[in-house]
Amino acid sequence: MAGLFANYRSAHHPDAHARLTLAIGYLRGELDATRAQRTLRRRDWLLQLELESSSLAGTLIDALVKACPQKKFILTIRDVYSWCDSWLDHNINQPPKGSSLFAVLDQVRLRVNDFPPTKWDAPLIMHNLAPLACYFQLWAHHNAQVLHAVPKHRLLIVKTDEISDRIPDIAAWAGVSSSALRADQAWLFATAQKHRMLARCDPSYVRDTAQRFCGPLMKEYFAA
């Protein structure tokens, strides 16, 4: 989305250090909602962006919706299988440093302590990845949280593989001309080296884990 809106004041993961610290504290229950809202409102005023693209917005969505009541949101949603494969590819190709804030955030939002590895997770564990349940529960929680927190009149839902086709809808939602959006920059972070990690796992285990965590949302948005 940041690439699509490159002609505007847009950014991908803006104010990352402040937002990451806020998200980690929020998820750990170390930060109350009022303080989170106050911080987000102030950072929004300081940044003066016309569009920001960040998964952290989903993590902080409850506070963000209340902190910025005039904001409109676009939820880009991808089927859990290709989303998970993309996440795993990214972590294998560019492993997060253990002390980095992103690595800390991943430990918290993936809930690695809540889902011990099974024998079926061996292909993932060999690459220092979390058990499959961690990723699938995050996909379900993230999307459900946004769908629950954002009023329908402030939310546009776009499947990631339909972004290019839906540029007119996105432009209309944002109140800009379609010609002002950069279709050539709609896919800035495509993974070059793919590892097909889910294909290395037992198909029944992958399917059953997806159904366990993601069944209702997958059925609603992907008929799967």
C-alpha atoms as a PDB file:
ATOM      1  CA  MET A   1       0.000   0.000   0.000  1.00  0.00           C
ATOM      2  CA  ALA A   2       2.830   2.413   0.755  1.00  0.00           C
ATOM      3  CA  GLY A   3       4.180   1.799  -2.746  1.00  0.00           C
ATOM      4  CA  LEU A   4       0.749   2.190  -4.299  1.00  0.00           C
ATOM      5  CA  PHE A   5       0.445   5.585  -2.607  1.00  0.00           C
ATOM      6  CA  ALA A   6       4.041   6.617  -3.363  1.00  0.00           C
ATOM      7  CA  ASN A   7       2.832   9.907  -4.859  1.00  0.00           C
ATOM      8  CA  TYR A   8       1.500  10.864  -1.444  1.00  0.00           C
ATOM      9  CA  ARG A   9       3.069  11.199   1.993  1.00  0.00           C
ATOM     10  CA  SER A  10       3.183   7.458   2.604  1.00  0.00           C
ATOM     11  CA  ALA A  11       5.484   5.112   4.477  1.00  0.00           C
ATOM     12  CA  HIS A  12       5.894   1.430   5.260  1.00  0.00           C
ATOM     13  CA  HIS A  13       6.474   0.777   8.975  1.00  0.00           C
ATOM     14  CA  PRO A  14       6.809   4.465   9.858  1.00  0.00           C
ATOM     15  CA  ASP A  15       8.180   5.411  13.244  1.00  0.00           C
ATOM     16  CA  ALA A  16       9.183   1.769  13.628  1.00  0.00           C
ATOM     17  CA  HIS A  17      11.132   1.981  16.895  1.00  0.00           C
ATOM     18  CA  ALA A  18       8.391   3.839  18.757  1.00  0.00           C
ATOM     19  CA  ARG A  19       5.626   1.656  17.304  1.00  0.00           C
ATOM     20  CA  LEU A  20       7.489  -1.592  17.991  1.00  0.00           C
ATOM     21  CA  THR A  21       8.128  -0.647  21.611  1.00  0.00           C
ATOM     22  CA  LEU A  22       4.486   0.341  21.959  1.00  0.00           C
ATOM     23  CA  ALA A  23       3.212  -2.883  20.340  1.00  0.00           C
ATOM     24  CA  ILE A  24       5.390  -5.118  22.522  1.00  0.00           C
ATOM     25  CA  GLY A  25       4.274  -3.360  25.692  1.00  0.00           C
ATOM     26  CA  TYR A  26       0.655  -3.440  24.576  1.00  0.00           C
ATOM     27  CA  LEU A  27       0.696  -7.169  23.836  1.00  0.00           C
ATOM     28  CA  ARG A  28       2.429  -7.929  27.126  1.00  0.00           C
ATOM     29  CA  GLY A  29      -0.196  -5.995  29.042  1.00  0.00           C
ATOM     30  CA  GLU A  30       2.406  -3.509  30.278  1.00  0.00           C
ATOM     31  CA  LEU A  31       0.665  -0.554  28.658  1.00  0.00           C
ATOM     32  CA  ASP A  32      -2.915   0.487  29.294  1.00  0.00           C
ATOM     33  CA  ALA A  33      -5.265   1.486  26.489  1.00  0.00           C
ATOM     34  CA  THR A  34      -5.375   5.167  27.458  1.00  0.00           C
ATOM     35  CA  ARG A  35      -1.608   5.559  27.279  1.00  0.00           C
ATOM     36  CA  ALA A  36      -1.455   3.661  23.974  1.00  0.00           C
ATOM     37  CA  GLN A  37      -4.128   5.912  22.484  1.00  0.00           C
ATOM     38  CA  ARG A  38      -2.374   9.048  23.681  1.00  0.00           C
ATOM     39  CA  THR A  39       0.956   7.915  22.228  1.00  0.00           C
ATOM     40  CA  LEU A  40      -0.559   6.940  18.876  1.00  0.00           C
ATOM     41  CA  ARG A  41      -2.455  10.217  18.608  1.00  0.00           C
ATOM     42  CA  ARG A  42       0.717  12.204  19.239  1.00  0.00           C
ATOM     43  CA  ARG A  43       2.827  10.161  16.805  1.00  0.00           C
ATOM     44  CA  ASP A  44       0.146  10.505  14.142  1.00  0.00           C
ATOM     45  CA  TRP A  45       0.185  14.271  14.538  1.00  0.00           C
ATOM     46  CA  LEU A  46       3.989  14.399  14.374  1.00  0.00           C
ATOM     47  CA  LEU A  47       4.278  12.176  11.266  1.00  0.00           C
ATOM     48  CA  GLN A  48       1.559  13.926   9.254  1.00  0.00           C
ATOM     49  CA  LEU A  49       1.284  10.985   6.839  1.00  0.00           C
ATOM     50  CA  GLU A  50      -1.491  10.569   4.309  1.00  0.00           C
ATOM     51  CA  LEU A  51      -1.061   6.802   4.348  1.00  0.00           C
ATOM     52  CA  GLU A  52       0.889   4.371   6.465  1.00  0.00           C
ATOM     53  CA  SER A  53       1.277   0.663   5.819  1.00  0.00           C
ATOM     54  CA  SER A  54       2.251  -1.549   8.729  1.00  0.00           C
ATOM     55  CA  SER A  55       1.305  -4.819  10.363  1.00  0.00           C
ATOM     56  CA  LEU A  56       1.791  -2.945  13.640  1.00  0.00           C
ATOM     57  CA  ALA A  57      -1.391  -1.038  12.879  1.00  0.00           C
ATOM     58  CA  GLY A  58      -3.207  -4.366  13.195  1.00  0.00           C
ATOM     59  CA  THR A  59      -1.464  -5.166  16.459  1.00  0.00           C
ATOM     60  CA  LEU A  60      -2.507  -1.792  17.862  1.00  0.00           C
ATOM     61  CA  ILE A  61      -5.822  -1.556  16.046  1.00  0.00           C
ATOM     62  CA  ASP A  62      -8.076  -1.219  19.110  1.00  0.00           C
ATOM     63  CA  ALA A  63      -6.124   1.774  20.389  1.00  0.00           C
ATOM     64  CA  LEU A  64      -5.546   3.219  16.909  1.00  0.00           C
ATOM     65  CA  VAL A  65      -9.233   3.245  15.971  1.00  0.00           C
ATOM     66  CA  LYS A  66     -10.028   5.248  19.113  1.00  0.00           C
ATOM     67  CA  ALA A  67      -6.949   7.472  18.961  1.00  0.00           C
ATOM     68  CA  CYS A  68      -7.627   8.574  15.382  1.00  0.00           C
ATOM     69  CA  PRO A  69     -11.421   8.588  14.896  1.00  0.00           C
ATOM     70  CA  GLN A  70     -11.191  10.153  11.428  1.00  0.00           C
ATOM     71  CA  LYS A  71      -8.869   7.508  10.011  1.00  0.00           C
ATOM     72  CA  LYS A  72     -10.049   5.002   7.425  1.00  0.00           C
ATOM     73  CA  PHE A  73      -8.444   1.584   7.153  1.00  0.00           C
ATOM     74  CA  ILE A  74      -7.625  -0.953   4.456  1.00  0.00           C
ATOM     75  CA  LEU A  75      -7.195  -4.558   5.543  1.00  0.00           C
ATOM     76  CA  THR A  76      -5.167  -6.506   3.009  1.00  0.00           C
ATOM     77  CA  ILE A  77      -5.941 -10.160   3.582  1.00  0.00           C
ATOM     78  CA  ARG A  78      -4.184 -13.171   2.109  1.00  0.00           C
ATOM     79  CA  ASP A  79      -5.057 -16.843   2.391  1.00  0.00           C
ATOM     80  CA  VAL A  80      -3.310 -18.349   5.381  1.00  0.00           C
ATOM     81  CA  TYR A  81      -1.220 -20.834   3.368  1.00  0.00           C
ATOM     82  CA  SER A  82       0.482 -18.386   1.010  1.00  0.00           C
ATOM     83  CA  TRP A  83       0.705 -15.817   3.820  1.00  0.00           C
ATOM     84  CA  CYS A  84       2.506 -18.307   6.060  1.00  0.00           C
ATOM     85  CA  ASP A  85       4.851 -19.471   3.307  1.00  0.00           C
ATOM     86  CA  SER A  86       5.746 -15.842   2.580  1.00  0.00           C
ATOM     87  CA  TRP A  87       6.430 -15.139   6.270  1.00  0.00           C
ATOM     88  CA  LEU A  88       8.629 -18.240   6.544  1.00  0.00           C
ATOM     89  CA  ASP A  89      10.509 -17.343   3.350  1.00  0.00           C
ATOM     90  CA  HIS A  90      11.217 -13.884   4.699  1.00  0.00           C
ATOM     91  CA  ASN A  91      12.507 -15.206   8.044  1.00  0.00           C
ATOM     92  CA  ILE A  92      14.729 -17.777   6.373  1.00  0.00           C
ATOM     93  CA  ASN A  93      16.116 -15.298   3.852  1.00  0.00           C
ATOM     94  CA  GLN A  94      16.559 -12.512   6.403  1.00  0.00           C
ATOM     95  CA  PRO A  95      16.593 -14.000   9.906  1.00  0.00           C
ATOM     96  CA  PRO A  96      15.675 -11.383  12.505  1.00  0.00           C
ATOM     97  CA  LYS A  97      18.466 -10.656  14.951  1.00  0.00           C
ATOM     98  CA  GLY A  98      17.651 -12.100  18.346  1.00  0.00           C
ATOM     99  CA  SER A  99      17.997  -8.765  20.120  1.00  0.00           C
ATOM    100  CA  SER A 100      16.067  -6.726  17.551  1.00  0.00           C
ATOM    101  CA  LEU A 101      12.671  -5.315  18.441  1.00  0.00           C
ATOM    102  CA  PHE A 102      11.089  -7.206  15.543  1.00  0.00           C
ATOM    103  CA  ALA A 103      12.474 -10.478  16.914  1.00  0.00           C
ATOM    104  CA  VAL A 104      11.086  -9.643  20.361  1.00  0.00           C
ATOM    105  CA  LEU A 105       7.715  -8.717  18.842  1.00  0.00           C
ATOM    106  CA  ASP A 106       7.601 -12.009  16.953  1.00  0.00           C
ATOM    107  CA  GLN A 107       8.189 -13.986  20.143  1.00  0.00           C
ATOM    108  CA  VAL A 108       5.246 -12.208  21.735  1.00  0.00           C
ATOM    109  CA  ARG A 109       2.745 -12.200  18.885  1.00  0.00           C
ATOM    110  CA  LEU A 110       3.557 -15.727  17.737  1.00  0.00           C
ATOM    111  CA  ARG A 111       2.942 -16.907  21.327  1.00  0.00           C
ATOM    112  CA  VAL A 112       5.826 -19.344  21.076  1.00  0.00           C
ATOM    113  CA  ASN A 113       5.488 -20.373  24.722  1.00  0.00           C
ATOM    114  CA  ASP A 114       1.850 -21.384  24.229  1.00  0.00           C
ATOM    115  CA  PHE A 115       2.397 -23.847  21.385  1.00  0.00           C
ATOM    116  CA  PRO A 116       5.173 -26.381  21.982  1.00  0.00           C
ATOM    117  CA  PRO A 117       6.493 -28.062  18.846  1.00  0.00           C
ATOM    118  CA  THR A 118       5.122 -31.409  17.742  1.00  0.00           C
ATOM    119  CA  LYS A 119       6.931 -34.043  15.709  1.00  0.00           C
ATOM    120  CA  TRP A 120       5.107 -32.654  12.666  1.00  0.00           C
ATOM    121  CA  ASP A 121       6.845 -29.302  13.116  1.00  0.00           C
ATOM    122  CA  ALA A 122      10.314 -30.768  12.543  1.00  0.00           C
ATOM    123  CA  PRO A 123      10.836 -29.142   9.088  1.00  0.00           C
ATOM    124  CA  LEU A 124      10.187 -25.741  10.647  1.00  0.00           C
ATOM    125  CA  ILE A 125      12.224 -26.321  13.790  1.00  0.00           C
ATOM    126  CA  MET A 126      15.219 -27.315  11.640  1.00  0.00           C
ATOM    127  CA  HIS A 127      15.190 -23.767  10.245  1.00  0.00           C
ATOM    128  CA  ASN A 128      14.826 -22.164  13.696  1.00  0.00           C
ATOM    129  CA  LEU A 129      11.193 -21.354  12.979  1.00  0.00           C
ATOM    130  CA  ALA A 130       8.274 -21.530  15.386  1.00  0.00           C
ATOM    131  CA  PRO A 131       5.720 -24.377  15.335  1.00  0.00           C
ATOM    132  CA  LEU A 132       3.027 -24.094  12.677  1.00  0.00           C
ATOM    133  CA  ALA A 133       0.279 -23.322  15.212  1.00  0.00           C
ATOM    134  CA  CYS A 134       2.072 -20.088  16.137  1.00  0.00           C
ATOM    135  CA  TYR A 135       1.760 -18.690  12.630  1.00  0.00           C
ATOM    136  CA  PHE A 136      -1.779 -19.862  11.984  1.00  0.00           C
ATOM    137  CA  GLN A 137      -3.090 -18.488  15.294  1.00  0.00           C
ATOM    138  CA  LEU A 138      -1.451 -15.133  14.498  1.00  0.00           C
ATOM    139  CA  TRP A 139      -3.106 -14.965  11.065  1.00  0.00           C
ATOM    140  CA  ALA A 140      -6.502 -15.660  12.592  1.00  0.00           C
ATOM    141  CA  HIS A 141      -6.064 -13.319  15.554  1.00  0.00           C
ATOM    142  CA  HIS A 142      -4.678 -10.422  13.499  1.00  0.00           C
ATOM    143  CA  ASN A 143      -7.437 -10.468  10.897  1.00  0.00           C
ATOM    144  CA  ALA A 144     -10.247 -11.123  13.378  1.00  0.00           C
ATOM    145  CA  GLN A 145      -9.012  -8.311  15.600  1.00  0.00           C
ATOM    146  CA  VAL A 146      -9.094  -5.791  12.749  1.00  0.00           C
ATOM    147  CA  LEU A 147     -12.503  -6.966  11.551  1.00  0.00           C
ATOM    148  CA  HIS A 148     -13.873  -6.635  15.080  1.00  0.00           C
ATOM    149  CA  ALA A 149     -12.275  -3.311  16.009  1.00  0.00           C
ATOM    150  CA  VAL A 150     -12.833  -1.211  12.895  1.00  0.00           C
ATOM    151  CA  PRO A 151     -16.386  -0.038  12.169  1.00  0.00           C
ATOM    152  CA  LYS A 152     -17.561  -1.267   8.774  1.00  0.00           C
ATOM    153  CA  HIS A 153     -17.930   2.249   7.406  1.00  0.00           C
ATOM    154  CA  ARG A 154     -14.226   2.859   8.093  1.00  0.00           C
ATOM    155  CA  LEU A 155     -12.875  -0.430   6.676  1.00  0.00           C
ATOM    156  CA  LEU A 156     -12.106  -1.598   3.148  1.00  0.00           C
ATOM    157  CA  ILE A 157     -11.126  -5.268   2.765  1.00  0.00           C
ATOM    158  CA  VAL A 158      -8.866  -6.154  -0.168  1.00  0.00           C
ATOM    159  CA  LYS A 159      -7.413  -9.573  -0.941  1.00  0.00           C
ATOM    160  CA  THR A 160      -3.728  -9.202  -1.709  1.00  0.00           C
ATOM    161  CA  ASP A 161      -3.948 -10.991  -5.050  1.00  0.00           C
ATOM    162  CA  GLU A 162      -6.654  -8.530  -6.130  1.00  0.00           C
ATOM    163  CA  ILE A 163      -4.836  -5.299  -5.271  1.00  0.00           C
ATOM    164  CA  SER A 164      -4.041  -4.382  -8.877  1.00  0.00           C
ATOM    165  CA  ASP A 165      -7.574  -5.135 -10.047  1.00  0.00           C
ATOM    166  CA  ARG A 166      -9.068  -3.115  -7.208  1.00  0.00           C
ATOM    167  CA  ILE A 167      -7.066   0.063  -7.644  1.00  0.00           C
ATOM    168  CA  PRO A 168     -10.236   1.975  -8.659  1.00  0.00           C
ATOM    169  CA  ASP A 169     -11.952   0.818  -5.440  1.00  0.00           C
ATOM    170  CA  ILE A 170      -8.908   1.709  -3.344  1.00  0.00           C
ATOM    171  CA  ALA A 171      -8.653   5.141  -4.949  1.00  0.00           C
ATOM    172  CA  ALA A 172     -12.343   5.827  -4.407  1.00  0.00           C
ATOM    173  CA  TRP A 173     -12.049   4.730  -0.779  1.00  0.00           C
ATOM    174  CA  ALA A 174      -9.116   7.082  -0.232  1.00  0.00           C
ATOM    175  CA  GLY A 175     -10.768   9.914  -2.152  1.00  0.00           C
ATOM    176  CA  VAL A 176      -8.035  10.186  -4.789  1.00  0.00           C
ATOM    177  CA  SER A 177      -7.767   9.613  -8.520  1.00  0.00           C
ATOM    178  CA  SER A 178      -6.868   6.115  -9.754  1.00  0.00           C
ATOM    179  CA  SER A 179      -4.264   7.658 -12.033  1.00  0.00           C
ATOM    180  CA  ALA A 180      -2.429   9.013  -8.986  1.00  0.00           C
ATOM    181  CA  LEU A 181      -1.804   5.531  -7.594  1.00  0.00           C
ATOM    182  CA  ARG A 182       1.385   3.702  -8.556  1.00  0.00           C
ATOM    183  CA  ALA A 183       0.338   0.283  -9.814  1.00  0.00           C
ATOM    184  CA  ASP A 184       4.003  -0.378 -10.693  1.00  0.00           C
ATOM    185  CA  GLN A 185       4.894  -0.200  -6.995  1.00  0.00           C
ATOM    186  CA  ALA A 186       2.084  -2.290  -5.594  1.00  0.00           C
ATOM    187  CA  TRP A 187       4.391  -5.273  -4.887  1.00  0.00           C
ATOM    188  CA  LEU A 188       7.540  -3.886  -3.300  1.00  0.00           C
ATOM    189  CA  PHE A 189       8.349  -6.760  -0.946  1.00  0.00           C
ATOM    190  CA  ALA A 190       7.866  -9.877  -3.043  1.00  0.00           C
ATOM    191  CA  THR A 191      10.094 -12.733  -1.882  1.00  0.00           C
ATOM    192  CA  ALA A 192      12.761 -13.631  -4.431  1.00  0.00           C
ATOM    193  CA  GLN A 193      13.922 -16.920  -2.876  1.00  0.00           C
ATOM    194  CA  LYS A 194      11.106 -19.310  -1.985  1.00  0.00           C
ATOM    195  CA  HIS A 195      11.526 -22.364   0.237  1.00  0.00           C
ATOM    196  CA  ARG A 196       8.030 -23.931   0.140  1.00  0.00           C
ATOM    197  CA  MET A 197       8.180 -24.814   3.821  1.00  0.00           C
ATOM    198  CA  LEU A 198       4.524 -25.818   4.132  1.00  0.00           C
ATOM    199  CA  ALA A 199       5.047 -28.355   1.349  1.00  0.00           C
ATOM    200  CA  ARG A 200       7.706 -29.987   3.518  1.00  0.00           C
ATOM    201  CA  CYS A 201       5.216 -30.532   6.333  1.00  0.00           C
ATOM    202  CA  ASP A 202       2.678 -33.323   6.527  1.00  0.00           C
ATOM    203  CA  PRO A 203      -0.345 -32.172   4.423  1.00  0.00           C
ATOM    204  CA  SER A 204      -2.891 -33.464   6.937  1.00  0.00           C
ATOM    205  CA  TYR A 205      -1.143 -31.649   9.768  1.00  0.00           C
ATOM    206  CA  VAL A 206      -1.092 -28.391   7.809  1.00  0.00           C
ATOM    207  CA  ARG A 207      -4.752 -28.739   6.831  1.00  0.00           C
ATOM    208  CA  ASP A 208      -5.932 -29.711  10.320  1.00  0.00           C
ATOM    209  CA  THR A 209      -3.967 -26.885  11.975  1.00  0.00           C
ATOM    210  CA  ALA A 210      -5.371 -24.376   9.503  1.00  0.00           C
ATOM    211  CA  GLN A 211      -8.894 -25.605  10.166  1.00  0.00           C
ATOM    212  CA  ARG A 212      -8.332 -25.442  13.916  1.00  0.00           C
ATOM    213  CA  PHE A 213      -7.300 -21.795  13.941  1.00  0.00           C
ATOM    214  CA  CYS A 214      -8.370 -20.280  10.650  1.00  0.00           C
ATOM    215  CA  GLY A 215     -11.379 -22.298   9.482  1.00  0.00           C
ATOM    216  CA  PRO A 216     -14.148 -19.685   9.856  1.00  0.00           C
ATOM    217  CA  LEU A 217     -12.200 -16.801   8.310  1.00  0.00           C
ATOM    218  CA  MET A 218     -10.814 -18.944   5.504  1.00  0.00           C
ATOM    219  CA  LYS A 219     -14.306 -20.156   4.702  1.00  0.00           C
ATOM    220  CA  GLU A 220     -15.716 -16.621   4.699  1.00  0.00           C
ATOM    221  CA  TYR A 221     -13.041 -14.973   2.575  1.00  0.00           C
ATOM    222  CA  PHE A 222     -11.478 -17.782   0.565  1.00  0.00           C
ATOM    223  CA  ALA A 223     -14.196 -20.466   0.462  1.00  0.00           C
ATOM    224  CA  ALA A 224     -11.713 -22.925   1.928  1.00  0.00           C
END
